[in-house]
Amino acid sequence: MKTHDDVPKRLLRITEIIAPGGPIPVGKSTWWEGVKSGRFPQPIKLGPRITVWREDDI
């Protein structure tokens, strides 16, 4: 049985993460390079065009 702690608090789209006032204000290319190199967390694919990250991972 899953507990409340197993559920992520929030899922963020890339525009919420790299926005000027967001938690990591970098460009989109820099973000994806960081994901590829392991500096930033791996995404979760919800669909072919929907990619999100757990807020707890950011």
PDB file of N, CA and C in Angstrom:
ATOM      1  N   MET A   1       0.839  -1.185   0.000  1.00  0.00           N
ATOM      2  CA  MET A   1       0.000   0.000   0.000  1.00  0.00           C
ATOM      3  C   MET A   1       0.884   1.248   0.000  1.00  0.00           C
ATOM      4  N   LYS A   2       0.542   2.186  -0.834  1.00  0.00           N
ATOM      5  CA  LYS A   2       1.304   3.430  -0.892  1.00  0.00           C
ATOM      6  C   LYS A   2       0.879   4.354   0.237  1.00  0.00           C
ATOM      7  N   THR A   3       1.850   5.044   0.767  1.00  0.00           N
ATOM      8  CA  THR A   3       1.558   6.031   1.798  1.00  0.00           C
ATOM      9  C   THR A   3       1.570   7.417   1.188  1.00  0.00           C
ATOM     10  N   HIS A   4       1.169   8.377   1.961  1.00  0.00           N
ATOM     11  CA  HIS A   4       1.148   9.767   1.494  1.00  0.00           C
ATOM     12  C   HIS A   4       2.551  10.253   1.139  1.00  0.00           C
ATOM     13  N   ASP A   5       3.578   9.715   1.794  1.00  0.00           N
ATOM     14  CA  ASP A   5       4.957  10.132   1.534  1.00  0.00           C
ATOM     15  C   ASP A   5       5.468   9.647   0.187  1.00  0.00           C
ATOM     16  N   ASP A   6       4.844   8.609  -0.402  1.00  0.00           N
ATOM     17  CA  ASP A   6       5.275   8.070  -1.683  1.00  0.00           C
ATOM     18  C   ASP A   6       4.832   8.938  -2.858  1.00  0.00           C
ATOM     19  N   VAL A   7       3.846   9.777  -2.655  1.00  0.00           N
ATOM     20  CA  VAL A   7       3.292  10.595  -3.727  1.00  0.00           C
ATOM     21  C   VAL A   7       4.106  11.879  -3.849  1.00  0.00           C
ATOM     22  N   PRO A   8       4.602  12.204  -5.073  1.00  0.00           N
ATOM     23  CA  PRO A   8       5.352  13.450  -5.211  1.00  0.00           C
ATOM     24  C   PRO A   8       4.461  14.655  -4.934  1.00  0.00           C
ATOM     25  N   LYS A   9       5.049  15.692  -4.388  1.00  0.00           N
ATOM     26  CA  LYS A   9       4.273  16.880  -4.042  1.00  0.00           C
ATOM     27  C   LYS A   9       3.746  17.579  -5.285  1.00  0.00           C
ATOM     28  N   ARG A  10       4.601  17.687  -6.303  1.00  0.00           N
ATOM     29  CA  ARG A  10       4.205  18.431  -7.497  1.00  0.00           C
ATOM     30  C   ARG A  10       5.107  18.032  -8.649  1.00  0.00           C
ATOM     31  N   LEU A  11       4.567  18.046  -9.854  1.00  0.00           N
ATOM     32  CA  LEU A  11       5.350  17.798 -11.055  1.00  0.00           C
ATOM     33  C   LEU A  11       5.502  19.114 -11.799  1.00  0.00           C
ATOM     34  N   LEU A  12       6.715  19.404 -12.256  1.00  0.00           N
ATOM     35  CA  LEU A  12       7.006  20.674 -12.916  1.00  0.00           C
ATOM     36  C   LEU A  12       7.348  20.460 -14.381  1.00  0.00           C
ATOM     37  N   ARG A  13       6.832  21.333 -15.237  1.00  0.00           N
ATOM     38  CA  ARG A  13       7.216  21.349 -16.648  1.00  0.00           C
ATOM     39  C   ARG A  13       8.490  22.176 -16.773  1.00  0.00           C
ATOM     40  N   ILE A  14       9.177  22.042 -17.889  1.00  0.00           N
ATOM     41  CA  ILE A  14      10.454  22.730 -18.083  1.00  0.00           C
ATOM     42  C   ILE A  14      10.297  24.249 -17.991  1.00  0.00           C
ATOM     43  N   THR A  15       9.167  24.777 -18.457  1.00  0.00           N
ATOM     44  CA  THR A  15       8.969  26.230 -18.409  1.00  0.00           C
ATOM     45  C   THR A  15       8.867  26.753 -16.983  1.00  0.00           C
ATOM     46  N   GLU A  16       8.432  25.910 -16.053  1.00  0.00           N
ATOM     47  CA  GLU A  16       8.354  26.321 -14.646  1.00  0.00           C
ATOM     48  C   GLU A  16       9.717  26.249 -13.963  1.00  0.00           C
ATOM     49  N   ILE A  17      10.593  25.409 -14.484  1.00  0.00           N
ATOM     50  CA  ILE A  17      11.906  25.211 -13.871  1.00  0.00           C
ATOM     51  C   ILE A  17      12.901  26.273 -14.323  1.00  0.00           C
ATOM     52  N   ILE A  18      12.925  26.550 -15.628  1.00  0.00           N
ATOM     53  CA  ILE A  18      13.960  27.449 -16.156  1.00  0.00           C
ATOM     54  C   ILE A  18      13.476  28.877 -16.370  1.00  0.00           C
ATOM     55  N   ALA A  19      12.296  29.199 -15.898  1.00  0.00           N
ATOM     56  CA  ALA A  19      11.781  30.565 -16.019  1.00  0.00           C
ATOM     57  C   ALA A  19      12.704  31.538 -15.289  1.00  0.00           C
ATOM     58  N   PRO A  20      12.720  32.814 -15.689  1.00  0.00           N
ATOM     59  CA  PRO A  20      13.596  33.792 -15.020  1.00  0.00           C
ATOM     60  C   PRO A  20      13.440  33.819 -13.503  1.00  0.00           C
ATOM     61  N   GLY A  21      12.249  33.613 -12.991  1.00  0.00           N
ATOM     62  CA  GLY A  21      12.041  33.576 -11.546  1.00  0.00           C
ATOM     63  C   GLY A  21      11.993  32.159 -11.000  1.00  0.00           C
ATOM     64  N   GLY A  22      12.304  31.178 -11.857  1.00  0.00           N
ATOM     65  CA  GLY A  22      12.226  29.776 -11.452  1.00  0.00           C
ATOM     66  C   GLY A  22      13.411  29.337 -10.615  1.00  0.00           C
ATOM     67  N   PRO A  23      13.380  28.089 -10.167  1.00  0.00           N
ATOM     68  CA  PRO A  23      14.442  27.594  -9.295  1.00  0.00           C
ATOM     69  C   PRO A  23      15.800  27.470  -9.976  1.00  0.00           C
ATOM     70  N   ILE A  24      15.834  27.242 -11.291  1.00  0.00           N
ATOM     71  CA  ILE A  24      17.104  27.111 -12.010  1.00  0.00           C
ATOM     72  C   ILE A  24      17.026  27.986 -13.265  1.00  0.00           C
ATOM     73  N   PRO A  25      17.424  29.244 -13.175  1.00  0.00           N
ATOM     74  CA  PRO A  25      17.294  30.164 -14.316  1.00  0.00           C
ATOM     75  C   PRO A  25      18.406  29.976 -15.350  1.00  0.00           C
ATOM     76  N   VAL A  26      18.278  28.939 -16.176  1.00  0.00           N
ATOM     77  CA  VAL A  26      19.217  28.688 -17.271  1.00  0.00           C
ATOM     78  C   VAL A  26      18.422  28.574 -18.560  1.00  0.00           C
ATOM     79  N   GLY A  27      19.104  28.557 -19.681  1.00  0.00           N
ATOM     80  CA  GLY A  27      18.446  28.383 -20.964  1.00  0.00           C
ATOM     81  C   GLY A  27      18.024  26.940 -21.178  1.00  0.00           C
ATOM     82  N   LYS A  28      17.134  26.736 -22.138  1.00  0.00           N
ATOM     83  CA  LYS A  28      16.612  25.401 -22.411  1.00  0.00           C
ATOM     84  C   LYS A  28      17.718  24.442 -22.859  1.00  0.00           C
ATOM     85  N   SER A  29      18.626  24.902 -23.716  1.00  0.00           N
ATOM     86  CA  SER A  29      19.728  24.044 -24.175  1.00  0.00           C
ATOM     87  C   SER A  29      20.649  23.669 -23.027  1.00  0.00           C
ATOM     88  N   THR A  30      20.944  24.631 -22.156  1.00  0.00           N
ATOM     89  CA  THR A  30      21.789  24.362 -20.986  1.00  0.00           C
ATOM     90  C   THR A  30      21.110  23.360 -20.068  1.00  0.00           C
ATOM     91  N   TRP A  31      19.799  23.480 -19.887  1.00  0.00           N
ATOM     92  CA  TRP A  31      19.061  22.542 -19.045  1.00  0.00           C
ATOM     93  C   TRP A  31      19.192  21.119 -19.593  1.00  0.00           C
ATOM     94  N   TRP A  32      18.938  20.946 -20.899  1.00  0.00           N
ATOM     95  CA  TRP A  32      18.988  19.604 -21.479  1.00  0.00           C
ATOM     96  C   TRP A  32      20.401  19.031 -21.473  1.00  0.00           C
ATOM     97  N   GLU A  33      21.409  19.866 -21.646  1.00  0.00           N
ATOM     98  CA  GLU A  33      22.796  19.393 -21.528  1.00  0.00           C
ATOM     99  C   GLU A  33      23.062  18.900 -20.109  1.00  0.00           C
ATOM    100  N   GLY A  34      22.546  19.625 -19.112  1.00  0.00           N
ATOM    101  CA  GLY A  34      22.703  19.224 -17.715  1.00  0.00           C
ATOM    102  C   GLY A  34      21.986  17.920 -17.398  1.00  0.00           C
ATOM    103  N   VAL A  35      20.817  17.715 -18.001  1.00  0.00           N
ATOM    104  CA  VAL A  35      20.084  16.458 -17.814  1.00  0.00           C
ATOM    105  C   VAL A  35      20.890  15.311 -18.418  1.00  0.00           C
ATOM    106  N   LYS A  36      21.415  15.540 -19.623  1.00  0.00           N
ATOM    107  CA  LYS A  36      22.191  14.502 -20.310  1.00  0.00           C
ATOM    108  C   LYS A  36      23.460  14.147 -19.541  1.00  0.00           C
ATOM    109  N   SER A  37      24.120  15.148 -18.956  1.00  0.00           N
ATOM    110  CA  SER A  37      25.377  14.907 -18.238  1.00  0.00           C
ATOM    111  C   SER A  37      25.162  14.397 -16.813  1.00  0.00           C
ATOM    112  N   GLY A  38      23.930  14.473 -16.308  1.00  0.00           N
ATOM    113  CA  GLY A  38      23.643  14.011 -14.955  1.00  0.00           C
ATOM    114  C   GLY A  38      23.698  15.110 -13.901  1.00  0.00           C
ATOM    115  N   ARG A  39      23.980  16.337 -14.313  1.00  0.00           N
ATOM    116  CA  ARG A  39      24.014  17.461 -13.369  1.00  0.00           C
ATOM    117  C   ARG A  39      22.612  17.817 -12.882  1.00  0.00           C
ATOM    118  N   PHE A  40      21.612  17.664 -13.746  1.00  0.00           N
ATOM    119  CA  PHE A  40      20.216  17.902 -13.400  1.00  0.00           C
ATOM    120  C   PHE A  40      19.472  16.566 -13.406  1.00  0.00           C
ATOM    121  N   PRO A  41      18.341  16.462 -12.693  1.00  0.00           N
ATOM    122  CA  PRO A  41      17.626  15.179 -12.588  1.00  0.00           C
ATOM    123  C   PRO A  41      17.018  14.719 -13.911  1.00  0.00           C
ATOM    124  N   GLN A  42      16.839  13.420 -14.019  1.00  0.00           N
ATOM    125  CA  GLN A  42      16.215  12.830 -15.195  1.00  0.00           C
ATOM    126  C   GLN A  42      14.717  13.135 -15.194  1.00  0.00           C
ATOM    127  N   PRO A  43      14.137  13.320 -16.376  1.00  0.00           N
ATOM    128  CA  PRO A  43      12.710  13.645 -16.459  1.00  0.00           C
ATOM    129  C   PRO A  43      11.831  12.407 -16.369  1.00  0.00           C
ATOM    130  N   ILE A  44      10.554  12.661 -16.225  1.00  0.00           N
ATOM    131  CA  ILE A  44       9.519  11.632 -16.288  1.00  0.00           C
ATOM    132  C   ILE A  44       8.699  11.943 -17.532  1.00  0.00           C
ATOM    133  N   LYS A  45       8.546  10.973 -18.422  1.00  0.00           N
ATOM    134  CA  LYS A  45       7.748  11.165 -19.627  1.00  0.00           C
ATOM    135  C   LYS A  45       6.311  10.736 -19.338  1.00  0.00           C
ATOM    136  N   LEU A  46       5.377  11.677 -19.433  1.00  0.00           N
ATOM    137  CA  LEU A  46       3.964  11.370 -19.235  1.00  0.00           C
ATOM    138  C   LEU A  46       3.273  11.044 -20.553  1.00  0.00           C
ATOM    139  N   GLY A  47       3.897  11.423 -21.643  1.00  0.00           N
ATOM    140  CA  GLY A  47       3.354  11.186 -22.969  1.00  0.00           C
ATOM    141  C   GLY A  47       4.402  11.564 -23.987  1.00  0.00           C
ATOM    142  N   PRO A  48       4.093  11.435 -25.267  1.00  0.00           N
ATOM    143  CA  PRO A  48       5.092  11.741 -26.291  1.00  0.00           C
ATOM    144  C   PRO A  48       5.559  13.201 -26.291  1.00  0.00           C
ATOM    145  N   ARG A  49       4.719  14.110 -25.811  1.00  0.00           N
ATOM    146  CA  ARG A  49       5.094  15.529 -25.801  1.00  0.00           C
ATOM    147  C   ARG A  49       5.020  16.157 -24.417  1.00  0.00           C
ATOM    148  N   ILE A  50       4.917  15.337 -23.389  1.00  0.00           N
ATOM    149  CA  ILE A  50       4.804  15.861 -22.023  1.00  0.00           C
ATOM    150  C   ILE A  50       5.931  15.296 -21.172  1.00  0.00           C
ATOM    151  N   THR A  51       6.824  16.171 -20.742  1.00  0.00           N
ATOM    152  CA  THR A  51       7.959  15.804 -19.907  1.00  0.00           C
ATOM    153  C   THR A  51       7.899  16.636 -18.635  1.00  0.00           C
ATOM    154  N   VAL A  52       8.052  15.981 -17.492  1.00  0.00           N
ATOM    155  CA  VAL A  52       7.977  16.668 -16.202  1.00  0.00           C
ATOM    156  C   VAL A  52       9.107  16.197 -15.290  1.00  0.00           C
ATOM    157  N   TRP A  53       9.308  16.949 -14.219  1.00  0.00           N
ATOM    158  CA  TRP A  53      10.280  16.599 -13.185  1.00  0.00           C
ATOM    159  C   TRP A  53       9.583  16.699 -11.843  1.00  0.00           C
ATOM    160  N   ARG A  54       9.974  15.848 -10.902  1.00  0.00           N
ATOM    161  CA  ARG A  54       9.442  15.940  -9.540  1.00  0.00           C
ATOM    162  C   ARG A  54      10.006  17.191  -8.878  1.00  0.00           C
ATOM    163  N   GLU A  55       9.148  17.940  -8.244  1.00  0.00           N
ATOM    164  CA  GLU A  55       9.586  19.155  -7.556  1.00  0.00           C
ATOM    165  C   GLU A  55      10.641  18.823  -6.505  1.00  0.00           C
ATOM    166  N   ASP A  56      10.522  17.678  -5.854  1.00  0.00           N
ATOM    167  CA  ASP A  56      11.486  17.269  -4.831  1.00  0.00           C
ATOM    168  C   ASP A  56      12.879  17.031  -5.408  1.00  0.00           C
ATOM    169  N   ASP A  57      12.964  16.691  -6.713  1.00  0.00           N
ATOM    170  CA  ASP A  57      14.258  16.429  -7.350  1.00  0.00           C
ATOM    171  C   ASP A  57      14.975  17.709  -7.770  1.00  0.00           C
ATOM    172  N   ILE A  58      14.240  18.789  -7.895  1.00  0.00           N
ATOM    173  CA  ILE A  58      14.819  20.042  -8.396  1.00  0.00           C
ATOM    174  C   ILE A  58      15.537  20.778  -7.297  1.00  0.00           C
TER     175      ILE A  58
END
